[in-house]
């Protein structure tokens, strides 16, 4: 038990493709990417980029 091999990764990707379909996967990845970006910013203690823009307008 430990590492995932190439075969296991391909099987997982095939199952994800069957479950969500080709049209939903880009939306899921975009959401995942923005979630990771927010998590990294929160871990660093940075404010989100949107709130920084709002402060400069006032």
N, C-alpha and C. Protein backbone atom coordinates (compact mmCIF):
# COMPACT_ATOMS: atom_id res chain seq x y z
N UNK A 1 0.84 -1.18 0.00
CA UNK A 1 0.00 0.00 0.00
C UNK A 1 0.88 1.24 0.00
N UNK A 2 0.50 2.23 -0.75
CA UNK A 2 1.33 3.42 -0.78
C UNK A 2 1.06 4.24 -2.01
N UNK A 3 1.90 4.09 -2.97
CA UNK A 3 1.83 4.92 -4.16
C UNK A 3 0.81 4.41 -5.16
N UNK A 4 0.26 5.34 -5.91
CA UNK A 4 -0.65 4.99 -7.00
C UNK A 4 0.17 4.83 -8.27
N UNK A 5 -0.09 3.77 -8.98
CA UNK A 5 0.59 3.55 -10.24
C UNK A 5 -0.18 4.18 -11.39
N UNK A 6 0.37 4.07 -12.56
CA UNK A 6 -0.25 4.63 -13.76
C UNK A 6 -1.62 4.00 -14.02
N UNK A 7 -1.71 2.70 -13.86
CA UNK A 7 -2.98 2.00 -14.11
C UNK A 7 -4.06 2.48 -13.15
N UNK A 8 -3.74 2.64 -11.89
CA UNK A 8 -4.73 3.09 -10.92
C UNK A 8 -5.21 4.51 -11.22
N UNK A 9 -4.29 5.38 -11.61
CA UNK A 9 -4.66 6.75 -11.94
C UNK A 9 -5.57 6.78 -13.16
N UNK A 10 -5.27 5.98 -14.18
CA UNK A 10 -6.11 5.92 -15.37
C UNK A 10 -7.51 5.39 -15.04
N UNK A 11 -7.60 4.41 -14.17
CA UNK A 11 -8.91 3.88 -13.77
C UNK A 11 -9.70 4.94 -13.02
N UNK A 12 -9.06 5.67 -12.13
CA UNK A 12 -9.74 6.73 -11.39
C UNK A 12 -10.23 7.82 -12.34
N UNK A 13 -9.41 8.21 -13.29
CA UNK A 13 -9.81 9.23 -14.27
C UNK A 13 -10.98 8.76 -15.13
N UNK A 14 -10.97 7.49 -15.51
CA UNK A 14 -12.07 6.94 -16.30
C UNK A 14 -13.37 6.95 -15.50
N UNK A 15 -13.31 6.60 -14.23
CA UNK A 15 -14.51 6.60 -13.39
C UNK A 15 -15.04 8.02 -13.22
N UNK A 16 -14.15 8.98 -13.01
CA UNK A 16 -14.57 10.38 -12.87
C UNK A 16 -15.23 10.85 -14.16
N UNK A 17 -14.66 10.49 -15.29
CA UNK A 17 -15.23 10.88 -16.57
C UNK A 17 -16.61 10.28 -16.77
N UNK A 18 -16.78 9.03 -16.38
CA UNK A 18 -18.09 8.39 -16.50
C UNK A 18 -19.11 9.01 -15.55
N UNK A 19 -18.70 9.35 -14.35
CA UNK A 19 -19.63 9.90 -13.37
C UNK A 19 -20.08 11.32 -13.72
N UNK A 20 -19.15 12.17 -14.12
CA UNK A 20 -19.48 13.58 -14.31
C UNK A 20 -19.68 13.98 -15.77
N UNK A 21 -19.15 13.23 -16.69
CA UNK A 21 -19.27 13.59 -18.09
C UNK A 21 -18.23 14.61 -18.51
N UNK A 22 -18.01 14.72 -19.79
CA UNK A 22 -16.97 15.60 -20.32
C UNK A 22 -17.25 17.08 -20.15
N UNK A 23 -18.53 17.47 -20.09
CA UNK A 23 -18.86 18.89 -20.00
C UNK A 23 -18.70 19.44 -18.59
N UNK A 24 -18.88 18.61 -17.58
CA UNK A 24 -18.83 19.08 -16.20
C UNK A 24 -17.41 19.17 -15.65
N UNK A 25 -16.49 18.40 -16.18
CA UNK A 25 -15.14 18.32 -15.62
C UNK A 25 -14.41 19.67 -15.65
N UNK A 26 -14.45 20.45 -16.73
CA UNK A 26 -13.77 21.76 -16.68
C UNK A 26 -14.32 22.69 -15.60
N UNK A 27 -15.64 22.64 -15.38
CA UNK A 27 -16.24 23.45 -14.33
C UNK A 27 -15.76 23.00 -12.95
N UNK A 28 -15.66 21.69 -12.75
CA UNK A 28 -15.18 21.16 -11.48
C UNK A 28 -13.73 21.55 -11.23
N UNK A 29 -12.90 21.49 -12.26
CA UNK A 29 -11.49 21.85 -12.11
C UNK A 29 -11.33 23.34 -11.83
N UNK A 30 -12.15 24.16 -12.46
CA UNK A 30 -12.09 25.60 -12.21
C UNK A 30 -12.45 25.89 -10.76
N UNK A 31 -13.49 25.25 -10.26
CA UNK A 31 -13.88 25.42 -8.87
C UNK A 31 -12.82 24.93 -7.91
N UNK A 32 -12.21 23.81 -8.25
CA UNK A 32 -11.14 23.26 -7.41
C UNK A 32 -9.94 24.20 -7.38
N UNK A 33 -9.59 24.76 -8.53
CA UNK A 33 -8.46 25.68 -8.60
C UNK A 33 -8.70 26.95 -7.80
N UNK A 34 -9.90 27.51 -7.91
CA UNK A 34 -10.19 28.73 -7.15
C UNK A 34 -10.24 28.43 -5.65
N UNK A 35 -10.72 27.25 -5.29
CA UNK A 35 -10.74 26.86 -3.88
C UNK A 35 -9.34 26.71 -3.31
N UNK A 36 -8.44 26.11 -4.08
CA UNK A 36 -7.05 25.97 -3.64
C UNK A 36 -6.37 27.33 -3.51
N UNK A 37 -6.68 28.23 -4.44
CA UNK A 37 -6.09 29.57 -4.39
C UNK A 37 -6.55 30.30 -3.13
N UNK A 38 -7.83 30.21 -2.81
CA UNK A 38 -8.34 30.84 -1.60
C UNK A 38 -7.72 30.22 -0.35
N UNK A 39 -7.57 28.90 -0.36
CA UNK A 39 -6.96 28.21 0.78
C UNK A 39 -5.53 28.66 1.01
N UNK A 40 -4.75 28.78 -0.07
CA UNK A 40 -3.37 29.23 0.05
C UNK A 40 -3.30 30.66 0.59
N UNK A 41 -4.19 31.52 0.10
CA UNK A 41 -4.21 32.91 0.59
C UNK A 41 -4.58 32.96 2.06
N UNK A 42 -5.53 32.13 2.47
CA UNK A 42 -5.93 32.11 3.88
C UNK A 42 -4.81 31.56 4.75
N UNK A 43 -4.08 30.58 4.25
CA UNK A 43 -2.98 30.01 5.02
C UNK A 43 -1.85 31.02 5.20
N UNK A 44 -1.64 31.86 4.20
CA UNK A 44 -0.61 32.88 4.29
C UNK A 44 -1.06 34.07 5.14
N UNK A 45 -2.36 34.22 5.27
CA UNK A 45 -2.90 35.37 6.00
C UNK A 45 -3.16 36.55 5.10
N UNK A 46 -3.07 36.35 3.79
CA UNK A 46 -3.35 37.42 2.84
C UNK A 46 -4.85 37.61 2.71
N UNK A 47 -5.22 38.84 2.34
CA UNK A 47 -6.62 39.11 2.05
C UNK A 47 -6.89 38.71 0.61
N UNK A 48 -8.13 38.34 0.29
CA UNK A 48 -8.46 38.04 -1.11
C UNK A 48 -8.24 39.26 -2.00
N UNK A 49 -7.96 39.02 -3.24
CA UNK A 49 -7.68 40.10 -4.19
C UNK A 49 -8.88 41.03 -4.35
N UNK A 50 -10.10 40.50 -4.25
CA UNK A 50 -11.30 41.31 -4.41
C UNK A 50 -11.41 42.38 -3.32
N UNK A 51 -11.10 42.03 -2.08
CA UNK A 51 -11.21 43.00 -0.99
C UNK A 51 -10.13 44.08 -1.10
N UNK A 52 -8.96 43.74 -1.65
CA UNK A 52 -7.91 44.73 -1.84
C UNK A 52 -8.33 45.76 -2.89
N UNK A 53 -9.02 45.31 -3.92
CA UNK A 53 -9.49 46.22 -4.95
C UNK A 53 -10.55 47.17 -4.39
N UNK A 54 -11.43 46.66 -3.52
CA UNK A 54 -12.47 47.49 -2.94
C UNK A 54 -11.88 48.59 -2.06
N UNK A 55 -10.80 48.29 -1.35
CA UNK A 55 -10.20 49.28 -0.46
C UNK A 55 -9.58 50.43 -1.25
N UNK A 56 -9.04 50.16 -2.42
CA UNK A 56 -8.42 51.21 -3.21
C UNK A 56 -9.45 52.12 -3.85
N UNK A 57 -10.65 51.64 -4.06
CA UNK A 57 -11.70 52.47 -4.67
C UNK A 57 -12.26 53.51 -3.70
N UNK A 58 -12.22 53.21 -2.41
CA UNK A 58 -12.82 54.11 -1.42
C UNK A 58 -11.98 55.29 -1.09
